[in-house]
Amino acid sequence: MDTIQELLAKRAEIDKKIADARRDERASAISKVRALMAEHGLTAADVAGKAPVTRSTSGGKVAPKYRNKATGDTWTGRGLQPKWLRAALEAGKKLEDFTI
């Protein structure tokens, strides 16, 4: 019967062989993928399935939807309501009162 030390040594040897096999298989797969990408003119973005960034999704400014007529402050309707709008709503005004 094997001792614990012998079993641990065998386990370490097997773990090393597994890691080597994984590394070799991964390198082979990467090589095949790169060859296919080059053959078909693909980029990493094509493979990842990410849509190209267009002007509409690039974080441009959004037109305001609400305006405080007294001060000229505006709000796009996105994010938290500004203090001036929140105070006016609490005072009994309606959101439609500020629509541009």
N, C-alpha and C. Protein backbone atom coordinates (compact mmCIF):
# COMPACT_ATOMS: atom_id res chain seq x y z
N MET A 1 0.83 -1.18 0.00
CA MET A 1 0.00 0.00 0.00
C MET A 1 0.88 1.25 0.00
N ASP A 2 0.45 2.26 -0.75
CA ASP A 2 1.21 3.50 -0.86
C ASP A 2 1.03 4.35 0.40
N THR A 3 2.08 5.12 0.71
CA THR A 3 1.99 6.05 1.83
C THR A 3 1.37 7.36 1.34
N ILE A 4 1.00 8.17 2.29
CA ILE A 4 0.41 9.47 1.93
C ILE A 4 1.40 10.29 1.11
N GLN A 5 2.67 10.27 1.47
CA GLN A 5 3.69 11.03 0.74
C GLN A 5 3.80 10.56 -0.71
N GLU A 6 3.74 9.26 -0.91
CA GLU A 6 3.82 8.71 -2.27
C GLU A 6 2.58 9.10 -3.08
N LEU A 7 1.42 9.01 -2.43
CA LEU A 7 0.19 9.40 -3.13
C LEU A 7 0.20 10.89 -3.48
N LEU A 8 0.66 11.73 -2.56
CA LEU A 8 0.74 13.16 -2.83
C LEU A 8 1.72 13.46 -3.97
N ALA A 9 2.80 12.73 -4.03
CA ALA A 9 3.77 12.91 -5.11
C ALA A 9 3.15 12.51 -6.45
N LYS A 10 2.42 11.39 -6.46
CA LYS A 10 1.74 10.97 -7.69
C LYS A 10 0.70 12.01 -8.11
N ARG A 11 -0.03 12.52 -7.11
CA ARG A 11 -1.03 13.54 -7.40
C ARG A 11 -0.40 14.79 -8.00
N ALA A 12 0.72 15.22 -7.46
CA ALA A 12 1.41 16.40 -7.99
C ALA A 12 1.87 16.15 -9.42
N GLU A 13 2.36 14.95 -9.68
CA GLU A 13 2.81 14.59 -11.03
C GLU A 13 1.63 14.60 -12.01
N ILE A 14 0.50 14.04 -11.58
CA ILE A 14 -0.70 14.02 -12.44
C ILE A 14 -1.22 15.43 -12.67
N ASP A 15 -1.24 16.26 -11.60
CA ASP A 15 -1.68 17.65 -11.75
C ASP A 15 -0.81 18.41 -12.75
N LYS A 16 0.49 18.14 -12.72
CA LYS A 16 1.40 18.80 -13.67
C LYS A 16 1.10 18.34 -15.09
N LYS A 17 0.86 17.05 -15.27
CA LYS A 17 0.54 16.53 -16.60
C LYS A 17 -0.77 17.12 -17.12
N ILE A 18 -1.75 17.25 -16.23
CA ILE A 18 -3.04 17.85 -16.61
C ILE A 18 -2.84 19.31 -17.04
N ALA A 19 -2.06 20.05 -16.27
CA ALA A 19 -1.81 21.47 -16.60
C ALA A 19 -1.08 21.59 -17.94
N ASP A 20 -0.10 20.71 -18.17
CA ASP A 20 0.63 20.73 -19.44
C ASP A 20 -0.31 20.41 -20.61
N ALA A 21 -1.17 19.41 -20.44
CA ALA A 21 -2.10 19.03 -21.50
C ALA A 21 -3.08 20.17 -21.78
N ARG A 22 -3.59 20.81 -20.73
CA ARG A 22 -4.50 21.95 -20.93
C ARG A 22 -3.81 23.08 -21.68
N ARG A 23 -2.57 23.38 -21.30
CA ARG A 23 -1.83 24.45 -21.96
C ARG A 23 -1.61 24.14 -23.44
N ASP A 24 -1.26 22.89 -23.74
CA ASP A 24 -1.04 22.49 -25.12
C ASP A 24 -2.33 22.55 -25.94
N GLU A 25 -3.44 22.05 -25.36
CA GLU A 25 -4.72 22.09 -26.07
C GLU A 25 -5.18 23.53 -26.29
N ARG A 26 -4.97 24.37 -25.29
CA ARG A 26 -5.36 25.78 -25.42
C ARG A 26 -4.54 26.48 -26.51
N ALA A 27 -3.25 26.23 -26.51
CA ALA A 27 -2.38 26.83 -27.53
C ALA A 27 -2.80 26.37 -28.92
N SER A 28 -3.15 25.10 -29.05
CA SER A 28 -3.60 24.57 -30.34
C SER A 28 -4.91 25.23 -30.77
N ALA A 29 -5.84 25.38 -29.82
CA ALA A 29 -7.12 26.00 -30.14
C ALA A 29 -6.94 27.46 -30.56
N ILE A 30 -6.09 28.17 -29.83
CA ILE A 30 -5.83 29.58 -30.17
C ILE A 30 -5.22 29.68 -31.56
N SER A 31 -4.31 28.79 -31.87
CA SER A 31 -3.69 28.78 -33.19
C SER A 31 -4.71 28.56 -34.29
N LYS A 32 -5.63 27.62 -34.07
CA LYS A 32 -6.67 27.34 -35.07
C LYS A 32 -7.60 28.54 -35.23
N VAL A 33 -7.98 29.15 -34.11
CA VAL A 33 -8.87 30.31 -34.17
C VAL A 33 -8.21 31.46 -34.92
N ARG A 34 -6.95 31.73 -34.62
CA ARG A 34 -6.23 32.81 -35.31
C ARG A 34 -6.15 32.54 -36.81
N ALA A 35 -5.89 31.29 -37.18
CA ALA A 35 -5.81 30.95 -38.60
C ALA A 35 -7.16 31.17 -39.28
N LEU A 36 -8.24 30.76 -38.64
CA LEU A 36 -9.57 30.96 -39.22
C LEU A 36 -9.92 32.45 -39.31
N MET A 37 -9.54 33.21 -38.28
CA MET A 37 -9.82 34.65 -38.31
C MET A 37 -9.07 35.31 -39.47
N ALA A 38 -7.82 34.94 -39.63
CA ALA A 38 -7.02 35.52 -40.73
C ALA A 38 -7.59 35.09 -42.08
N GLU A 39 -8.00 33.85 -42.19
CA GLU A 39 -8.54 33.34 -43.45
C GLU A 39 -9.82 34.07 -43.86
N HIS A 40 -10.64 34.40 -42.89
CA HIS A 40 -11.93 35.03 -43.18
C HIS A 40 -11.95 36.53 -42.92
N GLY A 41 -10.82 37.10 -42.53
CA GLY A 41 -10.74 38.54 -42.30
C GLY A 41 -11.56 39.02 -41.11
N LEU A 42 -11.62 38.23 -40.06
CA LEU A 42 -12.40 38.58 -38.89
C LEU A 42 -11.55 39.29 -37.84
N THR A 43 -12.22 40.11 -37.02
CA THR A 43 -11.55 40.77 -35.90
C THR A 43 -12.08 40.17 -34.60
N ALA A 44 -11.46 40.54 -33.49
CA ALA A 44 -11.91 40.06 -32.19
C ALA A 44 -13.33 40.53 -31.91
N ALA A 45 -13.68 41.74 -32.35
CA ALA A 45 -15.04 42.26 -32.15
C ALA A 45 -16.05 41.42 -32.93
N ASP A 46 -15.68 40.96 -34.13
CA ASP A 46 -16.57 40.11 -34.91
C ASP A 46 -16.85 38.80 -34.18
N VAL A 47 -15.82 38.24 -33.62
CA VAL A 47 -15.94 36.95 -32.94
C VAL A 47 -16.72 37.11 -31.63
N ALA A 48 -16.51 38.22 -30.93
CA ALA A 48 -17.19 38.45 -29.65
C ALA A 48 -18.66 38.78 -29.84
N GLY A 49 -19.05 39.16 -31.05
CA GLY A 49 -20.44 39.46 -31.32
C GLY A 49 -20.87 40.83 -30.85
N LYS A 50 -19.93 41.70 -30.59
CA LYS A 50 -20.27 43.05 -30.14
C LYS A 50 -20.57 43.90 -31.35
N ALA A 51 -21.63 44.66 -31.24
CA ALA A 51 -22.01 45.57 -32.31
C ALA A 51 -21.06 46.76 -32.31
N PRO A 52 -20.71 47.27 -33.48
CA PRO A 52 -19.87 48.46 -33.52
C PRO A 52 -20.59 49.65 -32.90
N VAL A 53 -19.82 50.52 -32.28
CA VAL A 53 -20.38 51.69 -31.63
C VAL A 53 -20.80 52.69 -32.71
N THR A 54 -22.03 53.16 -32.60
CA THR A 54 -22.52 54.16 -33.53
C THR A 54 -22.66 55.49 -32.81
N ARG A 55 -22.91 56.53 -33.55
CA ARG A 55 -23.00 57.85 -32.96
C ARG A 55 -24.13 57.94 -31.94
N SER A 56 -25.23 57.24 -32.17
CA SER A 56 -26.37 57.36 -31.27
C SER A 56 -26.11 56.71 -29.91
N THR A 57 -25.18 55.76 -29.83
CA THR A 57 -24.90 55.11 -28.56
C THR A 57 -23.56 55.54 -27.98
N SER A 58 -22.98 56.60 -28.49
CA SER A 58 -21.65 56.99 -28.03
C SER A 58 -21.69 57.95 -26.85
N GLY A 59 -22.84 58.14 -26.24
CA GLY A 59 -22.90 58.99 -25.06
C GLY A 59 -23.10 60.45 -25.38
N GLY A 60 -23.72 60.76 -26.52
CA GLY A 60 -23.96 62.16 -26.87
C GLY A 60 -24.97 62.80 -25.95
N LYS A 61 -25.12 64.10 -26.06
CA LYS A 61 -26.06 64.82 -25.22
C LYS A 61 -27.49 64.49 -25.59
N VAL A 62 -28.35 64.54 -24.57
CA VAL A 62 -29.77 64.28 -24.75
C VAL A 62 -30.50 65.60 -24.60
N ALA A 63 -31.45 65.82 -25.46
CA ALA A 63 -32.22 67.07 -25.42
C ALA A 63 -33.05 67.13 -24.15
N PRO A 64 -33.15 68.30 -23.51
CA PRO A 64 -33.96 68.41 -22.30
C PRO A 64 -35.45 68.26 -22.62
N LYS A 65 -36.20 67.70 -21.67
CA LYS A 65 -37.63 67.52 -21.84
C LYS A 65 -38.43 68.42 -20.91
N TYR A 66 -37.78 68.91 -19.85
CA TYR A 66 -38.47 69.72 -18.85
C TYR A 66 -37.67 70.99 -18.57
N ARG A 67 -38.39 72.11 -18.37
CA ARG A 67 -37.73 73.40 -18.12
C ARG A 67 -38.47 74.13 -17.01
N ASN A 68 -37.67 74.73 -16.12
CA ASN A 68 -38.20 75.61 -15.10
C ASN A 68 -38.27 76.99 -15.72
N LYS A 69 -39.47 77.48 -15.98
CA LYS A 69 -39.64 78.76 -16.68
C LYS A 69 -39.10 79.94 -15.88
N ALA A 70 -39.09 79.81 -14.57
CA ALA A 70 -38.62 80.90 -13.72
C ALA A 70 -37.10 81.06 -13.79
N THR A 71 -36.38 79.95 -13.81
CA THR A 71 -34.91 80.02 -13.77
C THR A 71 -34.24 79.59 -15.07
N GLY A 72 -34.97 78.87 -15.91
CA GLY A 72 -34.38 78.37 -17.15
C GLY A 72 -33.66 77.04 -16.99
N ASP A 73 -33.66 76.49 -15.76
CA ASP A 73 -33.04 75.18 -15.54
C ASP A 73 -33.78 74.12 -16.32
N THR A 74 -33.04 73.11 -16.79
CA THR A 74 -33.65 72.06 -17.59
C THR A 74 -33.29 70.69 -17.02
N TRP A 75 -34.06 69.69 -17.46
CA TRP A 75 -33.81 68.30 -17.09
C TRP A 75 -34.20 67.43 -18.27
N THR A 76 -33.38 66.43 -18.56
CA THR A 76 -33.63 65.55 -19.71
C THR A 76 -34.66 64.48 -19.43
N GLY A 77 -34.98 64.26 -18.18
CA GLY A 77 -35.89 63.19 -17.83
C GLY A 77 -35.16 61.91 -17.48
N ARG A 78 -33.84 61.97 -17.49
CA ARG A 78 -33.01 60.80 -17.14
C ARG A 78 -32.33 61.05 -15.81
N GLY A 79 -32.13 59.99 -15.07
CA GLY A 79 -31.46 60.12 -13.79
C GLY A 79 -32.39 60.67 -12.72
N LEU A 80 -31.79 61.09 -11.62
CA LEU A 80 -32.58 61.63 -10.52
C LEU A 80 -33.20 62.97 -10.91
N GLN A 81 -34.36 63.24 -10.36
CA GLN A 81 -35.00 64.53 -10.61
C GLN A 81 -34.18 65.61 -9.92
N PRO A 82 -34.01 66.74 -10.57
CA PRO A 82 -33.29 67.84 -9.92
C PRO A 82 -34.10 68.40 -8.74
N LYS A 83 -33.39 69.06 -7.84
CA LYS A 83 -34.04 69.59 -6.63
C LYS A 83 -35.15 70.56 -6.97
N TRP A 84 -34.94 71.42 -7.97
CA TRP A 84 -35.97 72.42 -8.30
C TRP A 84 -37.26 71.75 -8.76
N LEU A 85 -37.14 70.64 -9.49
CA LEU A 85 -38.34 69.94 -9.97
C LEU A 85 -39.01 69.17 -8.83
N ARG A 86 -38.19 68.52 -8.02
CA ARG A 86 -38.73 67.77 -6.89
C ARG A 86 -39.50 68.70 -5.95
N ALA A 87 -38.93 69.87 -5.67
CA ALA A 87 -39.59 70.84 -4.78
C ALA A 87 -40.90 71.32 -5.38
N ALA A 88 -40.91 71.56 -6.68
CA ALA A 88 -42.14 72.03 -7.34
C ALA A 88 -43.21 70.95 -7.32
N LEU A 89 -42.82 69.70 -7.52
CA LEU A 89 -43.78 68.60 -7.49
C LEU A 89 -44.36 68.42 -6.09
N GLU A 90 -43.52 68.58 -5.08
CA GLU A 90 -43.99 68.46 -3.70
C GLU A 90 -44.92 69.61 -3.34
N ALA A 91 -44.74 70.75 -4.02
CA ALA A 91 -45.58 71.92 -3.77
C ALA A 91 -46.92 71.82 -4.49
N GLY A 92 -47.13 70.75 -5.26
CA GLY A 92 -48.42 70.55 -5.90
C GLY A 92 -48.43 70.71 -7.41
N LYS A 93 -47.32 71.10 -7.99
CA LYS A 93 -47.27 71.23 -9.45
C LYS A 93 -47.25 69.84 -10.08
N LYS A 94 -47.51 69.79 -11.36
CA LYS A 94 -47.49 68.53 -12.10
C LYS A 94 -46.28 68.53 -13.03
N LEU A 95 -45.79 67.35 -13.34
CA LEU A 95 -44.63 67.20 -14.24
C LEU A 95 -44.94 67.82 -15.60
N GLU A 96 -46.18 67.69 -16.05
CA GLU A 96 -46.57 68.23 -17.35
C GLU A 96 -46.43 69.75 -17.41
N ASP A 97 -46.45 70.42 -16.24
CA ASP A 97 -46.31 71.87 -16.20
C ASP A 97 -44.94 72.32 -16.68
N PHE A 98 -43.95 71.42 -16.65
CA PHE A 98 -42.57 71.76 -17.00
C PHE A 98 -42.14 71.20 -18.35
N THR A 99 -43.03 70.53 -19.05
CA THR A 99 -42.69 69.94 -20.35
C THR A 99 -42.35 71.03 -21.36
N ILE A 100 -41.28 70.80 -22.09
CA ILE A 100 -40.85 71.76 -23.11
C ILE A 100 -41.66 71.52 -24.37
